[in-house]
N, C-alpha and C. Protein backbone atom coordinates (compact mmCIF):
# COMPACT_ATOMS: atom_id res chain seq x y z
N UNK A 1 -16.76 -6.36 -12.04
CA UNK A 1 -17.29 -7.56 -11.37
C UNK A 1 -16.25 -8.67 -11.29
N UNK A 2 -15.43 -8.78 -12.32
CA UNK A 2 -14.38 -9.78 -12.27
C UNK A 2 -13.45 -9.55 -11.13
N UNK A 3 -13.10 -8.21 -10.94
CA UNK A 3 -12.16 -7.95 -9.94
C UNK A 3 -12.81 -8.21 -8.51
N UNK A 4 -14.08 -7.86 -8.35
CA UNK A 4 -14.78 -8.14 -7.08
C UNK A 4 -14.84 -9.63 -6.83
N UNK A 5 -15.14 -10.42 -7.87
CA UNK A 5 -15.25 -11.81 -7.67
C UNK A 5 -13.96 -12.42 -7.17
N UNK A 6 -12.80 -11.96 -7.74
CA UNK A 6 -11.50 -12.60 -7.38
C UNK A 6 -10.86 -12.01 -6.12
N UNK A 7 -11.49 -10.98 -5.52
CA UNK A 7 -10.82 -10.36 -4.32
C UNK A 7 -11.85 -10.26 -3.19
N UNK A 8 -12.76 -11.20 -3.11
CA UNK A 8 -13.82 -11.20 -2.02
C UNK A 8 -13.10 -11.37 -0.65
N UNK A 9 -12.09 -12.17 -0.54
CA UNK A 9 -11.43 -12.42 0.77
C UNK A 9 -10.14 -11.62 0.97
N UNK A 10 -9.95 -10.58 0.05
CA UNK A 10 -8.73 -9.80 0.20
C UNK A 10 -8.87 -8.66 1.16
N UNK A 11 -7.93 -8.42 1.99
CA UNK A 11 -8.00 -7.30 2.92
C UNK A 11 -6.57 -6.90 3.33
N UNK A 12 -6.56 -5.80 4.10
CA UNK A 12 -5.33 -5.26 4.53
C UNK A 12 -5.00 -5.81 5.94
N UNK A 13 -3.71 -6.27 6.03
CA UNK A 13 -3.24 -6.80 7.25
C UNK A 13 -2.13 -5.89 7.81
N UNK A 14 -2.34 -5.32 9.01
CA UNK A 14 -1.46 -4.35 9.61
C UNK A 14 -0.48 -5.21 10.53
N UNK A 15 0.85 -5.04 10.24
CA UNK A 15 1.85 -5.80 10.99
C UNK A 15 2.81 -4.81 11.63
N UNK A 16 3.34 -5.21 12.78
CA UNK A 16 4.30 -4.40 13.43
C UNK A 16 5.63 -4.29 12.61
N UNK A 17 6.12 -3.12 12.37
CA UNK A 17 7.27 -2.92 11.49
C UNK A 17 8.37 -2.18 12.27
N UNK A 18 9.62 -2.61 12.16
CA UNK A 18 10.72 -1.86 12.78
C UNK A 18 11.01 -0.54 12.15
N UNK A 19 10.55 -0.31 10.93
CA UNK A 19 10.76 0.90 10.24
C UNK A 19 9.77 1.98 10.61
N UNK A 20 10.24 3.16 10.94
CA UNK A 20 9.42 4.34 11.18
C UNK A 20 9.70 5.38 10.04
N UNK A 21 9.17 5.04 8.89
CA UNK A 21 9.50 5.78 7.63
C UNK A 21 8.30 5.88 6.71
N UNK A 22 8.06 7.05 6.17
CA UNK A 22 7.02 7.19 5.15
C UNK A 22 7.65 6.93 3.79
N UNK A 23 7.03 6.04 3.01
CA UNK A 23 7.43 5.94 1.65
C UNK A 23 6.17 6.00 0.71
N UNK A 24 6.24 6.73 -0.34
CA UNK A 24 5.06 6.84 -1.24
C UNK A 24 5.47 6.52 -2.63
N UNK A 25 4.52 6.13 -3.46
CA UNK A 25 4.64 5.77 -4.88
C UNK A 25 3.61 6.59 -5.62
N UNK A 26 4.02 7.32 -6.64
CA UNK A 26 3.04 8.09 -7.42
C UNK A 26 3.25 7.73 -8.93
N UNK A 27 2.13 7.82 -9.61
CA UNK A 27 2.13 7.37 -11.05
C UNK A 27 0.97 8.12 -11.71
N UNK A 28 1.03 8.23 -13.01
CA UNK A 28 0.04 8.89 -13.77
C UNK A 28 -0.13 8.18 -15.19
N UNK A 29 -1.30 8.15 -15.66
CA UNK A 29 -1.58 7.61 -16.97
C UNK A 29 -1.96 8.80 -17.90
N UNK A 30 -0.99 9.23 -18.70
CA UNK A 30 -1.03 10.50 -19.44
C UNK A 30 -2.12 10.34 -20.51
N UNK A 31 -3.13 11.32 -20.49
CA UNK A 31 -4.15 11.37 -21.51
C UNK A 31 -4.86 10.04 -21.70
N UNK A 32 -5.10 9.33 -20.58
CA UNK A 32 -5.70 8.01 -20.72
C UNK A 32 -7.17 8.05 -21.00
N UNK A 33 -7.87 9.12 -20.75
CA UNK A 33 -9.33 9.20 -20.96
C UNK A 33 -9.52 9.56 -22.47
N UNK A 34 -10.16 8.71 -23.25
CA UNK A 34 -10.42 8.99 -24.66
C UNK A 34 -11.52 10.05 -24.95
N UNK A 35 -12.21 10.37 -23.93
CA UNK A 35 -13.28 11.43 -24.10
C UNK A 35 -12.74 12.81 -23.97
N UNK A 36 -11.97 13.15 -22.95
CA UNK A 36 -11.44 14.47 -22.80
C UNK A 36 -9.97 14.57 -22.77
N UNK A 37 -9.26 13.38 -22.84
CA UNK A 37 -7.78 13.26 -22.76
C UNK A 37 -7.20 13.85 -21.50
N UNK A 38 -7.95 13.75 -20.38
CA UNK A 38 -7.37 14.04 -19.16
C UNK A 38 -6.62 12.88 -18.54
N UNK A 39 -5.65 13.07 -17.74
CA UNK A 39 -4.81 11.96 -17.16
C UNK A 39 -5.45 11.53 -15.80
N UNK A 40 -5.03 10.31 -15.50
CA UNK A 40 -5.44 9.72 -14.21
C UNK A 40 -4.19 9.62 -13.34
N UNK A 41 -4.25 10.20 -12.14
CA UNK A 41 -3.15 10.15 -11.21
C UNK A 41 -3.43 9.34 -10.04
N UNK A 42 -2.44 8.65 -9.49
CA UNK A 42 -2.63 7.84 -8.30
C UNK A 42 -1.37 7.78 -7.48
N UNK A 43 -1.61 7.44 -6.20
CA UNK A 43 -0.41 7.30 -5.29
C UNK A 43 -0.84 6.34 -4.18
N UNK A 44 0.20 5.77 -3.58
CA UNK A 44 0.09 4.90 -2.38
C UNK A 44 1.10 5.47 -1.39
N UNK A 45 0.73 5.36 -0.13
CA UNK A 45 1.59 5.80 1.03
C UNK A 45 1.72 4.67 2.01
N UNK A 46 2.97 4.33 2.30
CA UNK A 46 3.31 3.27 3.27
C UNK A 46 3.91 3.94 4.53
N UNK A 47 3.57 3.42 5.66
CA UNK A 47 4.25 3.76 6.90
C UNK A 47 4.90 2.46 7.41
N UNK A 48 6.27 2.45 7.23
CA UNK A 48 6.92 1.19 7.47
C UNK A 48 6.59 0.27 6.26
N UNK A 49 6.14 -0.86 6.60
CA UNK A 49 5.71 -1.81 5.54
C UNK A 49 4.21 -1.94 5.39
N UNK A 50 3.46 -1.05 6.02
CA UNK A 50 1.95 -1.04 6.06
C UNK A 50 1.40 -0.01 5.13
N UNK A 51 0.42 -0.41 4.31
CA UNK A 51 -0.26 0.57 3.44
C UNK A 51 -1.19 1.37 4.28
N UNK A 52 -1.05 2.66 4.20
CA UNK A 52 -1.83 3.60 5.02
C UNK A 52 -2.75 4.49 4.29
N UNK A 53 -2.41 4.87 2.99
CA UNK A 53 -3.27 5.78 2.21
C UNK A 53 -3.07 5.53 0.81
N UNK A 54 -4.08 5.75 0.00
CA UNK A 54 -4.01 5.59 -1.43
C UNK A 54 -5.09 6.45 -2.16
N UNK A 55 -4.84 6.70 -3.40
CA UNK A 55 -5.75 7.59 -4.18
C UNK A 55 -5.69 7.25 -5.62
N UNK A 56 -6.76 7.35 -6.32
CA UNK A 56 -6.83 7.21 -7.77
C UNK A 56 -8.01 8.11 -8.29
N UNK A 57 -7.59 9.17 -9.00
CA UNK A 57 -8.58 10.10 -9.50
C UNK A 57 -8.09 10.76 -10.82
N UNK A 58 -9.09 11.21 -11.57
CA UNK A 58 -8.78 11.93 -12.81
C UNK A 58 -8.29 13.34 -12.44
N UNK A 59 -7.28 13.74 -13.11
CA UNK A 59 -6.79 15.10 -12.91
C UNK A 59 -7.72 16.17 -13.49
N UNK A 60 -7.86 17.30 -12.84
CA UNK A 60 -8.95 18.30 -13.25
C UNK A 60 -8.58 19.02 -14.57
N UNK A 61 -7.33 19.02 -14.96
CA UNK A 61 -6.93 19.72 -16.21
C UNK A 61 -6.19 18.77 -17.15
N UNK A 62 -6.15 19.14 -18.45
CA UNK A 62 -5.46 18.32 -19.41
C UNK A 62 -3.98 18.63 -19.33
N UNK A 63 -3.15 17.58 -19.30
CA UNK A 63 -1.66 17.78 -19.24
C UNK A 63 -1.14 17.70 -20.65
N UNK A 64 -0.21 18.56 -20.89
CA UNK A 64 0.38 18.70 -22.29
C UNK A 64 1.58 17.76 -22.49
N UNK A 65 2.01 17.10 -21.42
CA UNK A 65 3.12 16.16 -21.54
C UNK A 65 3.00 15.12 -20.40
N UNK A 66 3.67 13.96 -20.59
CA UNK A 66 3.66 12.95 -19.55
C UNK A 66 4.32 13.42 -18.32
N UNK A 67 5.35 14.34 -18.46
CA UNK A 67 6.11 14.86 -17.30
C UNK A 67 5.13 15.74 -16.47
N UNK A 68 4.34 16.49 -17.20
CA UNK A 68 3.31 17.34 -16.43
C UNK A 68 2.35 16.46 -15.68
N UNK A 69 1.88 15.47 -16.28
CA UNK A 69 0.86 14.54 -15.59
C UNK A 69 1.48 13.85 -14.45
N UNK A 70 2.77 13.36 -14.61
CA UNK A 70 3.44 12.73 -13.52
C UNK A 70 3.78 13.70 -12.40
N UNK A 71 4.06 14.97 -12.74
CA UNK A 71 4.43 15.94 -11.74
C UNK A 71 3.17 16.37 -10.90
N UNK A 72 2.01 16.39 -11.54
CA UNK A 72 0.74 16.64 -10.79
C UNK A 72 0.53 15.51 -9.78
N UNK A 73 0.70 14.31 -10.26
CA UNK A 73 0.49 13.19 -9.33
C UNK A 73 1.54 13.23 -8.27
N UNK A 74 2.70 13.68 -8.51
CA UNK A 74 3.80 13.84 -7.53
C UNK A 74 3.41 14.87 -6.46
N UNK A 75 2.82 15.93 -6.95
CA UNK A 75 2.36 17.04 -6.01
C UNK A 75 1.23 16.56 -5.10
N UNK A 76 0.35 15.85 -5.62
CA UNK A 76 -0.79 15.30 -4.79
C UNK A 76 -0.21 14.28 -3.73
N UNK A 77 0.68 13.45 -4.11
CA UNK A 77 1.31 12.52 -3.17
C UNK A 77 2.08 13.29 -2.13
N UNK A 78 2.74 14.33 -2.50
CA UNK A 78 3.48 15.18 -1.48
C UNK A 78 2.54 15.80 -0.51
N UNK A 79 1.41 16.28 -1.03
CA UNK A 79 0.43 16.89 -0.12
C UNK A 79 -0.15 15.86 0.91
N UNK A 80 -0.28 14.62 0.48
CA UNK A 80 -0.76 13.63 1.42
C UNK A 80 0.32 13.24 2.41
N UNK A 81 1.58 13.31 1.98
CA UNK A 81 2.67 13.03 3.00
C UNK A 81 2.76 14.13 3.97
N UNK A 82 2.57 15.43 3.53
CA UNK A 82 2.59 16.50 4.45
C UNK A 82 1.62 16.39 5.55
N UNK A 83 0.34 16.02 5.09
CA UNK A 83 -0.72 15.87 6.06
C UNK A 83 -0.53 14.67 7.04
N UNK A 84 0.02 13.63 6.54
CA UNK A 84 0.20 12.49 7.44
C UNK A 84 1.41 12.76 8.42
N UNK A 85 2.44 13.52 7.92
CA UNK A 85 3.44 13.92 8.83
C UNK A 85 2.97 14.81 9.95
N UNK A 86 2.08 15.73 9.63
CA UNK A 86 1.49 16.64 10.62
C UNK A 86 0.68 15.81 11.66
N UNK A 87 0.03 14.82 11.16
CA UNK A 87 -0.80 13.96 12.05
C UNK A 87 0.10 13.22 13.04
N UNK A 88 1.28 12.77 12.56
CA UNK A 88 2.22 12.07 13.47
C UNK A 88 2.76 13.05 14.50
N UNK A 89 3.06 14.26 14.09
CA UNK A 89 3.54 15.23 15.06
C UNK A 89 2.58 15.50 16.15
N UNK A 90 1.26 15.58 15.82
CA UNK A 90 0.26 15.79 16.82
C UNK A 90 0.15 14.59 17.80
N UNK A 91 0.52 13.38 17.30
CA UNK A 91 0.59 12.21 18.14
C UNK A 91 1.89 12.05 18.89
N UNK A 92 2.77 12.98 18.69
CA UNK A 92 4.08 12.92 19.35
C UNK A 92 5.10 11.98 18.78
N UNK A 93 4.93 11.69 17.48
CA UNK A 93 5.89 10.83 16.77
C UNK A 93 6.69 11.70 15.83
N UNK A 94 7.96 11.61 15.95
CA UNK A 94 8.91 12.42 15.14
C UNK A 94 9.67 11.42 14.18
N UNK A 95 9.64 11.64 12.86
CA UNK A 95 10.39 10.86 11.97
C UNK A 95 11.84 11.29 11.93
N UNK A 96 12.74 10.23 11.95
CA UNK A 96 14.20 10.62 11.90
C UNK A 96 14.66 10.82 10.45
N UNK A 97 13.93 10.27 9.51
CA UNK A 97 14.31 10.46 8.08
C UNK A 97 13.18 11.13 7.36
N UNK A 98 13.45 11.94 6.33
CA UNK A 98 12.39 12.50 5.53
C UNK A 98 11.71 11.48 4.68
N UNK A 99 10.48 11.64 4.29
CA UNK A 99 9.73 10.70 3.46
C UNK A 99 10.42 10.50 2.16
N UNK A 100 10.26 9.36 1.54
CA UNK A 100 10.79 9.01 0.27
C UNK A 100 9.67 8.85 -0.76
N UNK A 101 9.70 9.56 -1.84
CA UNK A 101 8.60 9.45 -2.81
C UNK A 101 9.23 8.84 -4.14
N UNK A 102 8.67 7.76 -4.56
CA UNK A 102 9.16 7.05 -5.70
C UNK A 102 8.30 7.36 -6.97
N UNK A 103 9.06 7.71 -8.04
CA UNK A 103 8.34 8.08 -9.31
C UNK A 103 9.08 7.40 -10.48
N UNK A 104 8.29 6.95 -11.50
CA UNK A 104 8.93 6.26 -12.58
C UNK A 104 9.13 7.18 -13.86
N UNK A 105 9.08 8.49 -13.62
CA UNK A 105 9.32 9.45 -14.72
C UNK A 105 10.51 10.28 -14.43
N UNK A 106 11.56 10.15 -15.19
CA UNK A 106 12.77 10.87 -14.96
C UNK A 106 12.62 12.37 -15.11
N UNK A 107 11.72 12.80 -16.00
CA UNK A 107 11.51 14.22 -16.19
C UNK A 107 10.91 14.89 -15.01
N UNK A 108 9.94 14.19 -14.37
CA UNK A 108 9.31 14.73 -13.16
C UNK A 108 10.37 14.74 -11.98
N UNK A 109 11.20 13.72 -11.94
CA UNK A 109 12.21 13.71 -10.88
C UNK A 109 13.23 14.81 -10.99
N UNK A 110 13.72 15.09 -12.26
CA UNK A 110 14.67 16.17 -12.44
C UNK A 110 14.05 17.47 -12.23
N UNK A 111 12.74 17.63 -12.56
CA UNK A 111 12.05 18.87 -12.39
C UNK A 111 11.94 19.30 -11.00
N UNK A 112 11.80 18.31 -10.11
CA UNK A 112 11.69 18.61 -8.71
C UNK A 112 12.98 19.08 -7.98
N UNK A 113 14.13 18.79 -8.65
CA UNK A 113 15.37 19.19 -8.05
C UNK A 113 16.20 20.19 -8.84
N UNK A 114 15.65 20.58 -10.05
CA UNK A 114 16.36 21.43 -10.91
C UNK A 114 16.06 22.90 -10.48
N UNK A 115 16.98 23.72 -10.13
CA UNK A 115 16.69 25.10 -9.79
C UNK A 115 16.30 26.01 -10.92
N UNK A 116 16.66 25.60 -12.13
CA UNK A 116 16.29 26.34 -13.27
C UNK A 116 14.85 26.09 -13.73
N UNK A 117 13.99 27.10 -13.68
CA UNK A 117 12.62 26.88 -14.02
C UNK A 117 12.40 27.22 -15.53
N UNK A 118 12.13 26.18 -16.31
CA UNK A 118 12.06 26.40 -17.76
C UNK A 118 10.69 27.04 -18.14
N UNK A 119 10.73 27.77 -19.20
CA UNK A 119 9.50 28.47 -19.65
C UNK A 119 8.33 27.46 -19.96
N UNK A 120 8.64 26.31 -20.44
CA UNK A 120 7.59 25.37 -20.90
C UNK A 120 6.95 24.70 -19.65
N UNK A 121 7.40 24.94 -18.50
CA UNK A 121 6.81 24.37 -17.27
C UNK A 121 6.15 25.44 -16.40
N UNK A 122 6.06 26.67 -16.87
CA UNK A 122 5.52 27.67 -16.03
C UNK A 122 4.05 27.57 -15.78
N UNK A 123 3.32 26.77 -16.56
CA UNK A 123 1.91 26.62 -16.32
C UNK A 123 1.65 25.63 -15.15
N UNK A 124 2.69 24.96 -14.66
CA UNK A 124 2.51 24.13 -13.47
C UNK A 124 3.39 24.69 -12.36
N UNK A 125 3.51 25.98 -12.30
CA UNK A 125 4.44 26.66 -11.40
C UNK A 125 4.10 26.40 -9.92
N UNK A 126 2.79 26.38 -9.60
CA UNK A 126 2.34 26.18 -8.19
C UNK A 126 2.82 24.81 -7.71
N UNK A 127 2.46 23.73 -8.51
CA UNK A 127 2.89 22.37 -8.14
C UNK A 127 4.40 22.30 -8.03
N UNK A 128 5.09 23.01 -8.95
CA UNK A 128 6.54 22.95 -8.98
C UNK A 128 7.12 23.52 -7.68
N UNK A 129 6.66 24.64 -7.25
CA UNK A 129 7.25 25.28 -6.10
C UNK A 129 6.90 24.56 -4.82
N UNK A 130 5.67 23.99 -4.82
CA UNK A 130 5.26 23.18 -3.63
C UNK A 130 6.12 22.02 -3.39
N UNK A 131 6.43 21.22 -4.43
CA UNK A 131 7.33 20.02 -4.29
C UNK A 131 8.77 20.49 -4.19
N UNK A 132 9.19 21.43 -5.01
CA UNK A 132 10.56 21.89 -5.02
C UNK A 132 11.01 22.41 -3.62
N UNK A 133 10.14 23.14 -2.92
CA UNK A 133 10.44 23.75 -1.63
C UNK A 133 10.86 22.64 -0.62
N UNK A 134 10.03 21.58 -0.58
CA UNK A 134 10.26 20.53 0.38
C UNK A 134 11.52 19.80 0.04
N UNK A 135 11.77 19.64 -1.31
CA UNK A 135 13.01 18.88 -1.69
C UNK A 135 14.18 19.65 -1.34
N UNK A 136 14.17 21.00 -1.54
CA UNK A 136 15.32 21.85 -1.28
C UNK A 136 15.60 21.96 0.24
N UNK A 137 14.61 21.85 1.01
CA UNK A 137 14.77 21.91 2.55
C UNK A 137 15.08 20.57 3.12
N UNK A 138 15.22 19.53 2.30
CA UNK A 138 15.61 18.24 2.77
C UNK A 138 14.32 17.50 3.50
N UNK A 139 13.15 17.98 3.28
CA UNK A 139 11.99 17.39 3.91
C UNK A 139 11.34 16.35 3.10
N UNK A 140 11.85 16.09 1.85
CA UNK A 140 11.30 15.11 0.95
C UNK A 140 12.40 14.66 -0.01
N UNK A 141 12.50 13.31 -0.19
CA UNK A 141 13.34 12.74 -1.16
C UNK A 141 12.51 12.12 -2.33
N UNK A 142 12.92 12.43 -3.52
CA UNK A 142 12.26 11.89 -4.70
C UNK A 142 13.23 10.98 -5.45
N UNK A 143 12.89 9.73 -5.61
CA UNK A 143 13.80 8.78 -6.25
C UNK A 143 13.08 8.12 -7.43
N UNK A 144 13.90 7.60 -8.34
CA UNK A 144 13.36 6.91 -9.50
C UNK A 144 13.11 5.44 -9.21
N UNK A 145 12.05 4.92 -9.79
CA UNK A 145 11.78 3.49 -9.69
C UNK A 145 11.23 3.05 -11.05
N UNK A 146 11.64 1.80 -11.44
CA UNK A 146 11.23 1.20 -12.74
C UNK A 146 9.75 1.00 -12.78
N UNK A 147 9.21 1.16 -13.95
CA UNK A 147 7.73 1.02 -14.13
C UNK A 147 7.18 -0.31 -13.68
N UNK A 148 7.98 -1.43 -13.85
CA UNK A 148 7.45 -2.71 -13.44
C UNK A 148 7.47 -2.94 -11.96
N UNK A 149 8.19 -2.04 -11.27
CA UNK A 149 8.17 -2.11 -9.81
C UNK A 149 7.30 -1.00 -9.19
N UNK A 150 6.60 -0.26 -10.02
CA UNK A 150 5.78 0.83 -9.48
C UNK A 150 4.53 0.32 -8.78
N UNK A 151 4.34 0.64 -7.53
CA UNK A 151 3.27 0.07 -6.73
C UNK A 151 1.97 0.77 -7.01
N UNK A 152 2.07 2.02 -7.55
CA UNK A 152 0.81 2.81 -7.80
C UNK A 152 0.27 2.60 -9.21
N UNK A 153 0.92 1.65 -9.96
CA UNK A 153 0.52 1.46 -11.35
C UNK A 153 -0.96 1.03 -11.49
N UNK A 154 -1.40 0.24 -10.58
CA UNK A 154 -2.78 -0.22 -10.62
C UNK A 154 -3.82 0.79 -10.34
N UNK A 155 -3.37 1.96 -9.82
CA UNK A 155 -4.35 2.97 -9.52
C UNK A 155 -4.57 3.91 -10.74
N UNK A 156 -3.80 3.76 -11.76
CA UNK A 156 -3.91 4.63 -12.96
C UNK A 156 -4.34 3.99 -14.24
N UNK A 157 -4.32 2.68 -14.23
CA UNK A 157 -4.63 1.92 -15.50
C UNK A 157 -5.65 0.89 -15.23
N UNK A 158 -6.28 0.42 -16.25
CA UNK A 158 -7.35 -0.56 -16.16
C UNK A 158 -6.80 -1.89 -15.55
N UNK A 159 -7.57 -2.56 -14.75
CA UNK A 159 -7.15 -3.75 -14.11
C UNK A 159 -7.03 -4.87 -15.16
N UNK A 160 -6.05 -5.73 -15.04
CA UNK A 160 -5.84 -6.81 -15.94
C UNK A 160 -7.00 -7.78 -15.78
N UNK A 161 -7.26 -8.54 -16.92
CA UNK A 161 -8.33 -9.52 -16.88
C UNK A 161 -7.92 -10.77 -16.24
N UNK A 162 -6.55 -11.06 -16.36
CA UNK A 162 -6.12 -12.33 -15.81
C UNK A 162 -5.99 -12.24 -14.28
N UNK A 163 -6.56 -13.27 -13.61
CA UNK A 163 -6.53 -13.29 -12.14
C UNK A 163 -5.10 -13.37 -11.61
N UNK A 164 -4.16 -13.95 -12.35
CA UNK A 164 -2.79 -14.01 -11.87
C UNK A 164 -2.14 -12.65 -11.82
N UNK A 165 -2.48 -11.79 -12.79
CA UNK A 165 -1.90 -10.41 -12.78
C UNK A 165 -2.58 -9.56 -11.73
N UNK A 166 -3.80 -9.79 -11.43
CA UNK A 166 -4.53 -9.10 -10.34
C UNK A 166 -3.90 -9.52 -9.01
N UNK A 167 -3.57 -10.83 -8.83
CA UNK A 167 -3.00 -11.28 -7.59
C UNK A 167 -1.59 -10.70 -7.45
N UNK A 168 -0.83 -10.54 -8.59
CA UNK A 168 0.46 -9.95 -8.52
C UNK A 168 0.41 -8.49 -8.03
N UNK A 169 -0.57 -7.76 -8.55
CA UNK A 169 -0.70 -6.34 -8.10
C UNK A 169 -1.04 -6.29 -6.61
N UNK A 170 -1.91 -7.18 -6.18
CA UNK A 170 -2.25 -7.21 -4.76
C UNK A 170 -1.07 -7.52 -3.86
N UNK A 171 -0.24 -8.44 -4.33
CA UNK A 171 0.97 -8.79 -3.56
C UNK A 171 1.88 -7.50 -3.50
N UNK A 172 1.98 -6.74 -4.53
CA UNK A 172 2.76 -5.56 -4.53
C UNK A 172 2.31 -4.60 -3.42
N UNK A 173 0.99 -4.49 -3.30
CA UNK A 173 0.44 -3.58 -2.26
C UNK A 173 0.38 -4.23 -0.83
N UNK A 174 0.88 -5.46 -0.81
CA UNK A 174 0.88 -6.17 0.47
C UNK A 174 -0.50 -6.48 1.01
N UNK A 175 -1.40 -6.73 0.12
CA UNK A 175 -2.75 -7.11 0.45
C UNK A 175 -2.91 -8.60 0.40
N UNK A 176 -3.53 -9.24 1.34
CA UNK A 176 -3.57 -10.68 1.46
C UNK A 176 -4.96 -11.20 1.49
N UNK A 177 -5.11 -12.47 1.22
CA UNK A 177 -6.43 -13.07 1.30
C UNK A 177 -6.68 -13.40 2.71
N UNK A 178 -7.30 -12.51 3.43
CA UNK A 178 -7.52 -12.67 4.89
C UNK A 178 -8.52 -13.77 5.20
N UNK A 179 -9.49 -13.92 4.27
CA UNK A 179 -10.44 -14.96 4.51
C UNK A 179 -9.85 -16.35 4.57
N UNK A 180 -8.95 -16.61 3.75
CA UNK A 180 -8.19 -17.93 3.79
C UNK A 180 -7.44 -18.01 5.06
N UNK A 181 -6.79 -16.98 5.50
CA UNK A 181 -5.99 -17.05 6.73
C UNK A 181 -6.92 -17.33 7.90
N UNK A 182 -8.11 -16.62 7.88
CA UNK A 182 -9.10 -16.85 9.01
C UNK A 182 -9.59 -18.26 9.06
N UNK A 183 -9.86 -18.86 7.83
CA UNK A 183 -10.35 -20.23 7.79
C UNK A 183 -9.26 -21.17 8.32
N UNK A 184 -8.02 -20.91 7.87
CA UNK A 184 -6.89 -21.80 8.40
C UNK A 184 -6.74 -21.65 9.97
N UNK A 185 -6.93 -20.43 10.44
CA UNK A 185 -6.79 -20.24 11.85
C UNK A 185 -7.95 -20.94 12.59
N UNK A 186 -9.16 -20.84 12.03
CA UNK A 186 -10.31 -21.58 12.65
C UNK A 186 -10.09 -23.07 12.60
N UNK A 187 -9.68 -23.61 11.45
CA UNK A 187 -9.47 -25.05 11.39
C UNK A 187 -8.35 -25.45 12.39
N UNK A 188 -7.34 -24.63 12.57
CA UNK A 188 -6.29 -24.99 13.51
C UNK A 188 -6.84 -24.98 14.93
N UNK A 189 -7.72 -24.02 15.25
CA UNK A 189 -8.31 -24.01 16.61
C UNK A 189 -9.18 -25.19 16.80
N UNK A 190 -10.01 -25.62 15.78
CA UNK A 190 -10.79 -26.80 15.88
C UNK A 190 -9.94 -28.02 16.07
N UNK A 191 -8.86 -28.13 15.35
CA UNK A 191 -8.02 -29.28 15.51
C UNK A 191 -7.35 -29.35 16.85
N UNK A 192 -6.90 -28.19 17.38
CA UNK A 192 -6.34 -28.15 18.68
C UNK A 192 -7.34 -28.53 19.80
N UNK A 193 -8.59 -28.08 19.69
CA UNK A 193 -9.60 -28.36 20.59
C UNK A 193 -9.95 -29.90 20.54
N UNK A 194 -10.04 -30.45 19.34
CA UNK A 194 -10.33 -31.82 19.20
C UNK A 194 -9.23 -32.65 19.80
N UNK A 195 -7.99 -32.32 19.53
CA UNK A 195 -6.86 -33.03 20.07
C UNK A 195 -6.82 -32.95 21.63
N UNK A 196 -7.08 -31.79 22.23
CA UNK A 196 -7.10 -31.67 23.65
C UNK A 196 -8.28 -32.46 24.28
N UNK A 197 -9.38 -32.43 23.54
CA UNK A 197 -10.55 -33.17 24.04
C UNK A 197 -10.24 -34.67 24.11
N UNK A 198 -9.67 -35.16 23.07
CA UNK A 198 -9.30 -36.61 22.96
C UNK A 198 -8.29 -36.93 24.00
N UNK A 199 -7.36 -36.07 24.22
CA UNK A 199 -6.30 -36.28 25.27
C UNK A 199 -6.99 -36.36 26.60
N UNK A 200 -7.88 -35.44 26.91
CA UNK A 200 -8.53 -35.42 28.21
C UNK A 200 -9.37 -36.64 28.38
N UNK A 201 -10.14 -37.07 27.40
CA UNK A 201 -10.93 -38.28 27.47
C UNK A 201 -10.10 -39.52 27.67
N UNK A 202 -8.94 -39.56 27.04
CA UNK A 202 -8.05 -40.65 27.17
C UNK A 202 -7.52 -40.78 28.63
N UNK A 203 -7.21 -39.58 29.20
CA UNK A 203 -6.77 -39.64 30.61
C UNK A 203 -7.91 -40.03 31.62
N UNK A 204 -9.06 -39.66 31.32
CA UNK A 204 -10.20 -40.08 32.07
C UNK A 204 -10.42 -41.57 32.01
N UNK A 205 -10.27 -42.17 30.78
CA UNK A 205 -10.44 -43.58 30.63
C UNK A 205 -9.37 -44.36 31.36
N UNK A 206 -8.11 -43.80 31.24
CA UNK A 206 -6.96 -44.48 31.95
C UNK A 206 -7.19 -44.48 33.46
N UNK A 207 -7.59 -43.31 34.06
CA UNK A 207 -7.89 -43.27 35.47
C UNK A 207 -9.06 -44.19 35.87
N UNK A 208 -10.01 -44.30 35.04
CA UNK A 208 -11.11 -45.19 35.31
C UNK A 208 -10.66 -46.64 35.38
N UNK A 209 -9.79 -47.01 34.43
CA UNK A 209 -9.33 -48.40 34.47
C UNK A 209 -8.41 -48.66 35.66
N UNK A 210 -7.61 -47.69 36.06
CA UNK A 210 -6.81 -47.77 37.27
C UNK A 210 -7.62 -48.02 38.49
N UNK A 211 -8.69 -47.24 38.61
CA UNK A 211 -9.62 -47.40 39.76
C UNK A 211 -10.23 -48.72 39.76
N UNK A 212 -10.63 -49.24 38.66
CA UNK A 212 -11.21 -50.57 38.55
C UNK A 212 -10.31 -51.72 38.96
N UNK A 213 -9.00 -51.51 38.55
CA UNK A 213 -7.97 -52.44 38.95
C UNK A 213 -7.76 -52.44 40.45
N UNK A 214 -7.72 -51.27 40.98
CA UNK A 214 -7.46 -51.17 42.46
C UNK A 214 -8.67 -51.52 43.27
N UNK A 215 -9.90 -51.33 42.74
CA UNK A 215 -11.09 -51.65 43.52
C UNK A 215 -12.09 -52.28 42.55
N UNK A 216 -11.96 -53.57 42.33
CA UNK A 216 -12.78 -54.28 41.33
C UNK A 216 -14.26 -54.31 41.76
N UNK A 217 -14.60 -54.00 43.01
CA UNK A 217 -16.01 -54.07 43.41
C UNK A 217 -16.86 -52.88 42.83
N UNK A 218 -16.08 -51.88 42.36
CA UNK A 218 -16.89 -50.71 41.85
C UNK A 218 -17.50 -51.06 40.53
């Protein structure tokens, strides 16, 4: 309820962007559920500078390491990127650069590009090959990002109680208080109308005085 109260006027604003590039951020909260110790994975997908897709859901199986939880979230974000790329192809839009996926876990990043498949990671073999195949073909770039700069962090952990931290997370996702912007726009329109109305009435009064001077019998 605290979050809803502080974000009533927040919405997504789509702006024209010179960048035609997909960039995604994936994150996971390892064993965050105290009841079953399942992890929560989340991701955000940007097209240019605009937020286009996002997800936050509990992973179906228990992860035995933080790397495994992060890699599952990585695979889910990759699947979303593949779908959005196919949608653009149907619309006749071809990306010049492969999508970039940002992850704050070095183990998951190295696992996506390491050709040696370790025995301790064989239980996530399907997710491994799904992501690894696209990385090896140059269809996906996976890069490291610091945790404090991770845009998907708010999708995997509890929201902060402080309104300032909630606002900070919203700014990271490029969400704005649209209600305030609408009110400013409305007030500006009212001011412009009032100014033009006063200007028009002043001109009418001036012309009326000119007519009276030229023809005092009126």
